[in-house]
Amino acid sequence: MASGMAALGLLGLLALNVQDLERATNYHLDYSYVVHGPESADAQEMFKTVREVTRPDDVILFFRSRAMILYSDRRAIMGANLELLLPRSDWYVMAKNSTYSQALLTDEQAAGYGLTKRWENVGWVIWRVPPRSS
């Protein structure tokens, strides 16, 4: 009797969520792309370059500061407000083709902030922030 009640309860929950389940299933059947993370080759190349071109006490502006700290052993801050954050940063590491939690800059826009491109690969750009006046 108890197992029948449990099965009836599960069937009820499934019935309440059938539309969401159908949408999620269709989405995953239609889209098979992979979101590359920090272990991808281009990201690892970027972290290696950050370690090579920056000083240990530099501050990196990056859309995922904890990942930058973990993979580069550098201090990092995150955010998309460049007017607020660039004066607190020594470098800006930007993911290409993404506006997710970051400001996506063209070369011309970056020049307007005084940034100079130090390095890039297929997925990332490392911008040098002009030194702050003391």
N, C-alpha and C. Protein backbone atom coordinates (compact mmCIF):
# COMPACT_ATOMS: atom_id res chain seq x y z
N MET A 1 0.82 -1.19 0.00
CA MET A 1 0.00 0.00 0.00
C MET A 1 0.87 1.26 0.00
N ALA A 2 1.93 1.25 0.83
CA ALA A 2 2.81 2.42 0.91
C ALA A 2 3.56 2.64 -0.40
N SER A 3 3.99 1.56 -1.03
CA SER A 3 4.71 1.72 -2.30
C SER A 3 3.76 2.22 -3.39
N GLY A 4 2.52 1.85 -3.33
CA GLY A 4 1.53 2.35 -4.29
C GLY A 4 1.30 3.83 -4.11
N MET A 5 1.28 4.29 -2.86
CA MET A 5 1.10 5.72 -2.58
C MET A 5 2.33 6.51 -3.06
N ALA A 6 3.51 5.94 -2.84
CA ALA A 6 4.74 6.61 -3.28
C ALA A 6 4.76 6.70 -4.81
N ALA A 7 4.37 5.64 -5.49
CA ALA A 7 4.33 5.64 -6.96
C ALA A 7 3.31 6.65 -7.46
N LEU A 8 2.17 6.73 -6.80
CA LEU A 8 1.14 7.69 -7.17
C LEU A 8 1.64 9.11 -6.97
N GLY A 9 2.39 9.35 -5.88
CA GLY A 9 2.97 10.67 -5.62
C GLY A 9 3.99 11.05 -6.68
N LEU A 10 4.85 10.11 -7.06
CA LEU A 10 5.84 10.38 -8.11
C LEU A 10 5.17 10.64 -9.45
N LEU A 11 4.13 9.88 -9.75
CA LEU A 11 3.38 10.09 -10.99
C LEU A 11 2.73 11.48 -11.00
N GLY A 12 2.25 11.92 -9.87
CA GLY A 12 1.66 13.25 -9.75
C GLY A 12 2.70 14.35 -9.98
N LEU A 13 3.88 14.18 -9.39
CA LEU A 13 4.95 15.16 -9.60
C LEU A 13 5.39 15.21 -11.06
N LEU A 14 5.49 14.06 -11.68
CA LEU A 14 5.85 13.99 -13.09
C LEU A 14 4.80 14.69 -13.94
N ALA A 15 3.53 14.48 -13.64
CA ALA A 15 2.45 15.12 -14.40
C ALA A 15 2.51 16.64 -14.25
N LEU A 16 2.86 17.12 -13.07
CA LEU A 16 2.96 18.57 -12.85
C LEU A 16 4.13 19.19 -13.62
N ASN A 17 5.15 18.41 -13.92
CA ASN A 17 6.37 18.93 -14.56
C ASN A 17 6.58 18.42 -15.97
N VAL A 18 5.57 17.83 -16.58
CA VAL A 18 5.75 17.22 -17.89
C VAL A 18 6.13 18.23 -18.96
N GLN A 19 5.57 19.44 -18.93
CA GLN A 19 5.92 20.45 -19.94
C GLN A 19 7.37 20.89 -19.80
N ASP A 20 7.81 21.14 -18.57
CA ASP A 20 9.21 21.52 -18.37
C ASP A 20 10.16 20.40 -18.77
N LEU A 21 9.80 19.18 -18.43
CA LEU A 21 10.61 18.03 -18.79
C LEU A 21 10.70 17.87 -20.31
N GLU A 22 9.58 18.08 -21.00
CA GLU A 22 9.57 17.98 -22.45
C GLU A 22 10.44 19.07 -23.08
N ARG A 23 10.32 20.31 -22.61
CA ARG A 23 11.14 21.40 -23.14
C ARG A 23 12.62 21.13 -22.93
N ALA A 24 12.98 20.70 -21.73
CA ALA A 24 14.39 20.43 -21.43
C ALA A 24 14.93 19.28 -22.28
N THR A 25 14.13 18.25 -22.45
CA THR A 25 14.56 17.11 -23.26
C THR A 25 14.75 17.53 -24.71
N ASN A 26 13.81 18.28 -25.25
CA ASN A 26 13.93 18.75 -26.64
C ASN A 26 15.14 19.65 -26.83
N TYR A 27 15.39 20.51 -25.87
CA TYR A 27 16.56 21.40 -25.94
C TYR A 27 17.84 20.58 -26.03
N HIS A 28 17.99 19.61 -25.17
CA HIS A 28 19.22 18.81 -25.15
C HIS A 28 19.33 17.89 -26.36
N LEU A 29 18.23 17.51 -26.96
CA LEU A 29 18.28 16.73 -28.20
C LEU A 29 18.66 17.60 -29.40
N ASP A 30 18.23 18.88 -29.38
CA ASP A 30 18.50 19.79 -30.50
C ASP A 30 19.90 20.39 -30.46
N TYR A 31 20.40 20.69 -29.27
CA TYR A 31 21.68 21.38 -29.14
C TYR A 31 22.69 20.46 -28.47
N SER A 32 23.79 20.22 -29.18
CA SER A 32 24.80 19.33 -28.62
C SER A 32 26.14 20.02 -28.46
N TYR A 33 26.12 21.35 -28.33
CA TYR A 33 27.38 22.08 -28.20
C TYR A 33 27.99 21.87 -26.81
N VAL A 34 29.27 22.15 -26.74
CA VAL A 34 30.00 22.01 -25.48
C VAL A 34 30.49 23.39 -25.07
N VAL A 35 30.28 23.76 -23.83
CA VAL A 35 30.83 25.00 -23.29
C VAL A 35 32.21 24.66 -22.75
N HIS A 36 33.22 25.26 -23.35
CA HIS A 36 34.59 24.96 -22.94
C HIS A 36 34.92 25.73 -21.67
N GLY A 37 35.56 25.07 -20.75
CA GLY A 37 35.89 25.67 -19.47
C GLY A 37 37.37 25.96 -19.34
N PRO A 38 37.83 26.13 -18.12
CA PRO A 38 39.22 26.54 -17.89
C PRO A 38 40.25 25.48 -18.24
N GLU A 39 39.83 24.25 -18.48
CA GLU A 39 40.78 23.20 -18.87
C GLU A 39 40.95 23.08 -20.37
N SER A 40 40.22 23.90 -21.15
CA SER A 40 40.40 23.84 -22.60
C SER A 40 41.79 24.33 -22.96
N ALA A 41 42.27 23.92 -24.12
CA ALA A 41 43.64 24.25 -24.52
C ALA A 41 43.86 25.75 -24.64
N ASP A 42 42.90 26.48 -25.22
CA ASP A 42 43.10 27.93 -25.38
C ASP A 42 43.05 28.65 -24.03
N ALA A 43 42.24 28.18 -23.10
CA ALA A 43 42.21 28.78 -21.77
C ALA A 43 43.50 28.48 -21.00
N GLN A 44 43.99 27.27 -21.11
CA GLN A 44 45.25 26.93 -20.44
C GLN A 44 46.41 27.74 -21.02
N GLU A 45 46.39 27.98 -22.33
CA GLU A 45 47.42 28.83 -22.94
C GLU A 45 47.33 30.25 -22.39
N MET A 46 46.11 30.75 -22.20
CA MET A 46 45.91 32.09 -21.65
C MET A 46 46.43 32.16 -20.22
N PHE A 47 46.07 31.19 -19.37
CA PHE A 47 46.55 31.21 -17.99
C PHE A 47 48.07 31.14 -17.92
N LYS A 48 48.68 30.34 -18.77
CA LYS A 48 50.14 30.24 -18.82
C LYS A 48 50.75 31.59 -19.19
N THR A 49 50.16 32.26 -20.17
CA THR A 49 50.65 33.57 -20.58
C THR A 49 50.48 34.59 -19.46
N VAL A 50 49.36 34.53 -18.76
CA VAL A 50 49.16 35.45 -17.62
C VAL A 50 50.28 35.25 -16.61
N ARG A 51 50.62 34.01 -16.30
CA ARG A 51 51.70 33.75 -15.34
C ARG A 51 53.03 34.29 -15.86
N GLU A 52 53.24 34.22 -17.17
CA GLU A 52 54.52 34.65 -17.75
C GLU A 52 54.67 36.17 -17.86
N VAL A 53 53.59 36.88 -18.21
CA VAL A 53 53.71 38.31 -18.50
C VAL A 53 53.36 39.21 -17.32
N THR A 54 52.76 38.67 -16.29
CA THR A 54 52.36 39.51 -15.15
C THR A 54 53.28 39.28 -13.96
N ARG A 55 53.30 40.26 -13.09
CA ARG A 55 54.05 40.14 -11.84
C ARG A 55 53.16 39.48 -10.79
N PRO A 56 53.76 38.85 -9.79
CA PRO A 56 52.95 38.17 -8.77
C PRO A 56 51.99 39.09 -8.01
N ASP A 57 52.28 40.38 -7.94
CA ASP A 57 51.40 41.29 -7.21
C ASP A 57 50.44 42.06 -8.12
N ASP A 58 50.41 41.74 -9.43
CA ASP A 58 49.48 42.40 -10.34
C ASP A 58 48.05 41.96 -10.06
N VAL A 59 47.12 42.84 -10.41
CA VAL A 59 45.69 42.55 -10.27
C VAL A 59 45.10 42.36 -11.66
N ILE A 60 44.42 41.24 -11.85
CA ILE A 60 43.84 40.89 -13.15
C ILE A 60 42.33 41.08 -13.08
N LEU A 61 41.78 41.85 -14.02
CA LEU A 61 40.33 41.96 -14.17
C LEU A 61 39.90 40.82 -15.10
N PHE A 62 39.02 39.94 -14.59
CA PHE A 62 38.62 38.73 -15.31
C PHE A 62 37.20 38.39 -14.93
N PHE A 63 36.45 37.83 -15.85
CA PHE A 63 35.02 37.58 -15.58
C PHE A 63 34.77 36.46 -14.58
N ARG A 64 35.77 35.70 -14.24
CA ARG A 64 35.68 34.68 -13.19
C ARG A 64 36.95 34.77 -12.35
N SER A 65 36.92 35.62 -11.35
CA SER A 65 38.13 35.92 -10.59
C SER A 65 38.68 34.70 -9.85
N ARG A 66 37.82 33.87 -9.32
CA ARG A 66 38.32 32.69 -8.59
C ARG A 66 39.08 31.74 -9.50
N ALA A 67 38.62 31.59 -10.74
CA ALA A 67 39.35 30.75 -11.70
C ALA A 67 40.71 31.36 -12.01
N MET A 68 40.76 32.68 -12.19
CA MET A 68 42.03 33.34 -12.48
C MET A 68 43.00 33.15 -11.31
N ILE A 69 42.52 33.31 -10.11
CA ILE A 69 43.38 33.12 -8.93
C ILE A 69 43.89 31.69 -8.87
N LEU A 70 43.01 30.73 -9.10
CA LEU A 70 43.39 29.32 -9.04
C LEU A 70 44.41 28.94 -10.10
N TYR A 71 44.18 29.36 -11.34
CA TYR A 71 45.02 28.92 -12.45
C TYR A 71 46.27 29.77 -12.68
N SER A 72 46.27 31.01 -12.18
CA SER A 72 47.44 31.87 -12.44
C SER A 72 48.20 32.26 -11.19
N ASP A 73 47.62 32.04 -10.03
CA ASP A 73 48.23 32.46 -8.77
C ASP A 73 48.44 33.97 -8.73
N ARG A 74 47.49 34.71 -9.32
CA ARG A 74 47.51 36.17 -9.30
C ARG A 74 46.25 36.66 -8.61
N ARG A 75 46.32 37.88 -8.10
CA ARG A 75 45.11 38.50 -7.53
C ARG A 75 44.18 38.86 -8.68
N ALA A 76 42.89 38.75 -8.45
CA ALA A 76 41.93 39.03 -9.52
C ALA A 76 40.67 39.65 -8.96
N ILE A 77 40.05 40.48 -9.79
CA ILE A 77 38.74 41.05 -9.49
C ILE A 77 37.84 40.78 -10.68
N MET A 78 36.53 40.81 -10.45
CA MET A 78 35.62 40.54 -11.56
C MET A 78 34.53 41.58 -11.62
N GLY A 79 34.01 41.75 -12.83
CA GLY A 79 32.92 42.69 -13.06
C GLY A 79 33.00 43.23 -14.47
N ALA A 80 31.94 43.92 -14.89
CA ALA A 80 31.87 44.43 -16.25
C ALA A 80 31.97 45.95 -16.32
N ASN A 81 32.00 46.63 -15.18
CA ASN A 81 32.06 48.09 -15.16
C ASN A 81 33.51 48.54 -15.29
N LEU A 82 33.94 48.80 -16.51
CA LEU A 82 35.34 49.13 -16.75
C LEU A 82 35.74 50.46 -16.12
N GLU A 83 34.84 51.44 -16.11
CA GLU A 83 35.16 52.73 -15.50
C GLU A 83 35.53 52.56 -14.02
N LEU A 84 34.86 51.67 -13.36
CA LEU A 84 35.12 51.42 -11.94
C LEU A 84 36.32 50.49 -11.72
N LEU A 85 36.45 49.47 -12.54
CA LEU A 85 37.42 48.41 -12.26
C LEU A 85 38.78 48.57 -12.91
N LEU A 86 38.87 49.20 -14.08
CA LEU A 86 40.19 49.36 -14.70
C LEU A 86 41.17 50.15 -13.83
N PRO A 87 40.72 51.20 -13.13
CA PRO A 87 41.68 51.89 -12.24
C PRO A 87 42.21 51.02 -11.10
N ARG A 88 41.56 49.90 -10.84
CA ARG A 88 41.98 49.00 -9.77
C ARG A 88 42.75 47.78 -10.33
N SER A 89 42.97 47.77 -11.64
CA SER A 89 43.55 46.60 -12.31
C SER A 89 44.85 46.96 -13.01
N ASP A 90 45.67 45.93 -13.20
CA ASP A 90 46.88 46.06 -14.00
C ASP A 90 46.70 45.43 -15.39
N TRP A 91 45.79 44.47 -15.49
CA TRP A 91 45.53 43.73 -16.72
C TRP A 91 44.04 43.45 -16.84
N TYR A 92 43.58 43.36 -18.09
CA TYR A 92 42.20 42.95 -18.36
C TYR A 92 42.27 41.75 -19.29
N VAL A 93 41.79 40.60 -18.82
CA VAL A 93 41.75 39.39 -19.64
C VAL A 93 40.30 39.19 -20.07
N MET A 94 40.10 39.19 -21.39
CA MET A 94 38.76 39.18 -21.95
C MET A 94 38.54 37.94 -22.81
N ALA A 95 37.42 37.29 -22.60
CA ALA A 95 37.00 36.19 -23.47
C ALA A 95 36.45 36.79 -24.75
N LYS A 96 36.90 36.28 -25.89
CA LYS A 96 36.40 36.78 -27.17
C LYS A 96 34.96 36.32 -27.38
N ASN A 97 34.19 37.15 -28.06
CA ASN A 97 32.82 36.82 -28.48
C ASN A 97 31.89 36.51 -27.31
N SER A 98 32.10 37.16 -26.17
CA SER A 98 31.24 36.92 -25.02
C SER A 98 30.98 38.22 -24.27
N THR A 99 29.73 38.41 -23.92
CA THR A 99 29.37 39.53 -23.06
C THR A 99 28.93 39.03 -21.68
N TYR A 100 29.20 37.76 -21.41
CA TYR A 100 28.80 37.16 -20.15
C TYR A 100 29.70 37.67 -19.02
N SER A 101 29.17 38.51 -18.17
CA SER A 101 29.86 39.04 -16.98
C SER A 101 31.14 39.79 -17.32
N GLN A 102 31.21 40.36 -18.51
CA GLN A 102 32.39 41.13 -18.89
C GLN A 102 32.01 42.15 -19.95
N ALA A 103 32.87 43.14 -20.14
CA ALA A 103 32.72 44.09 -21.24
C ALA A 103 33.50 43.55 -22.43
N LEU A 104 32.83 43.37 -23.55
CA LEU A 104 33.46 42.91 -24.77
C LEU A 104 33.93 44.13 -25.55
N LEU A 105 35.23 44.24 -25.76
CA LEU A 105 35.80 45.42 -26.40
C LEU A 105 36.35 45.12 -27.78
N THR A 106 36.20 46.08 -28.67
CA THR A 106 36.93 46.06 -29.93
C THR A 106 38.29 46.69 -29.67
N ASP A 107 39.20 46.57 -30.63
CA ASP A 107 40.50 47.21 -30.48
C ASP A 107 40.36 48.72 -30.31
N GLU A 108 39.43 49.33 -31.04
CA GLU A 108 39.22 50.78 -30.96
C GLU A 108 38.68 51.18 -29.58
N GLN A 109 37.73 50.42 -29.06
CA GLN A 109 37.19 50.73 -27.73
C GLN A 109 38.27 50.57 -26.67
N ALA A 110 39.08 49.52 -26.79
CA ALA A 110 40.15 49.31 -25.83
C ALA A 110 41.14 50.46 -25.85
N ALA A 111 41.48 50.94 -27.05
CA ALA A 111 42.39 52.08 -27.16
C ALA A 111 41.81 53.31 -26.46
N GLY A 112 40.50 53.47 -26.52
CA GLY A 112 39.85 54.58 -25.82
C GLY A 112 40.04 54.53 -24.31
N TYR A 113 40.21 53.34 -23.76
CA TYR A 113 40.49 53.17 -22.33
C TYR A 113 42.00 53.20 -22.05
N GLY A 114 42.79 53.31 -23.10
CA GLY A 114 44.24 53.30 -22.93
C GLY A 114 44.83 51.91 -22.84
N LEU A 115 44.04 50.89 -23.15
CA LEU A 115 44.51 49.51 -23.07
C LEU A 115 45.36 49.17 -24.29
N THR A 116 46.37 48.36 -24.08
CA THR A 116 47.18 47.86 -25.18
C THR A 116 47.11 46.34 -25.19
N LYS A 117 46.96 45.78 -26.37
CA LYS A 117 46.85 44.33 -26.51
C LYS A 117 48.25 43.73 -26.33
N ARG A 118 48.38 42.86 -25.36
CA ARG A 118 49.67 42.21 -25.11
C ARG A 118 49.74 40.83 -25.76
N TRP A 119 48.59 40.16 -25.83
CA TRP A 119 48.58 38.78 -26.32
C TRP A 119 47.15 38.40 -26.66
N GLU A 120 46.99 37.47 -27.62
CA GLU A 120 45.67 36.90 -27.89
C GLU A 120 45.82 35.54 -28.55
N ASN A 121 44.79 34.74 -28.40
CA ASN A 121 44.68 33.49 -29.13
C ASN A 121 43.25 33.38 -29.63
N VAL A 122 42.82 32.21 -30.00
CA VAL A 122 41.50 32.04 -30.60
C VAL A 122 40.36 32.41 -29.64
N GLY A 123 40.59 32.31 -28.35
CA GLY A 123 39.51 32.54 -27.40
C GLY A 123 39.69 33.70 -26.44
N TRP A 124 40.89 34.26 -26.34
CA TRP A 124 41.18 35.23 -25.28
C TRP A 124 42.04 36.38 -25.76
N VAL A 125 41.90 37.51 -25.07
CA VAL A 125 42.77 38.67 -25.28
C VAL A 125 43.27 39.12 -23.91
N ILE A 126 44.54 39.42 -23.84
CA ILE A 126 45.12 39.99 -22.62
C ILE A 126 45.47 41.44 -22.93
N TRP A 127 44.81 42.36 -22.23
CA TRP A 127 45.05 43.78 -22.39
C TRP A 127 45.89 44.30 -21.22
N ARG A 128 46.83 45.15 -21.50
CA ARG A 128 47.62 45.83 -20.46
C ARG A 128 46.90 47.12 -20.12
N VAL A 129 46.62 47.32 -18.85
CA VAL A 129 45.99 48.54 -18.36
C VAL A 129 47.11 49.55 -18.10
N PRO A 130 46.92 50.81 -18.50
CA PRO A 130 47.98 51.79 -18.24
C PRO A 130 48.23 51.92 -16.74
N PRO A 131 49.51 52.13 -16.36
CA PRO A 131 49.82 52.26 -14.93
C PRO A 131 49.06 53.39 -14.28
N ARG A 132 48.68 53.17 -13.04
CA ARG A 132 47.97 54.18 -12.27
C ARG A 132 48.97 55.21 -11.78
N SER A 133 48.54 56.47 -11.77
CA SER A 133 49.43 57.50 -11.21
C SER A 133 49.27 57.50 -9.70
N SER A 134 50.39 57.58 -9.01
CA SER A 134 50.37 57.49 -7.55
C SER A 134 50.05 58.80 -6.90
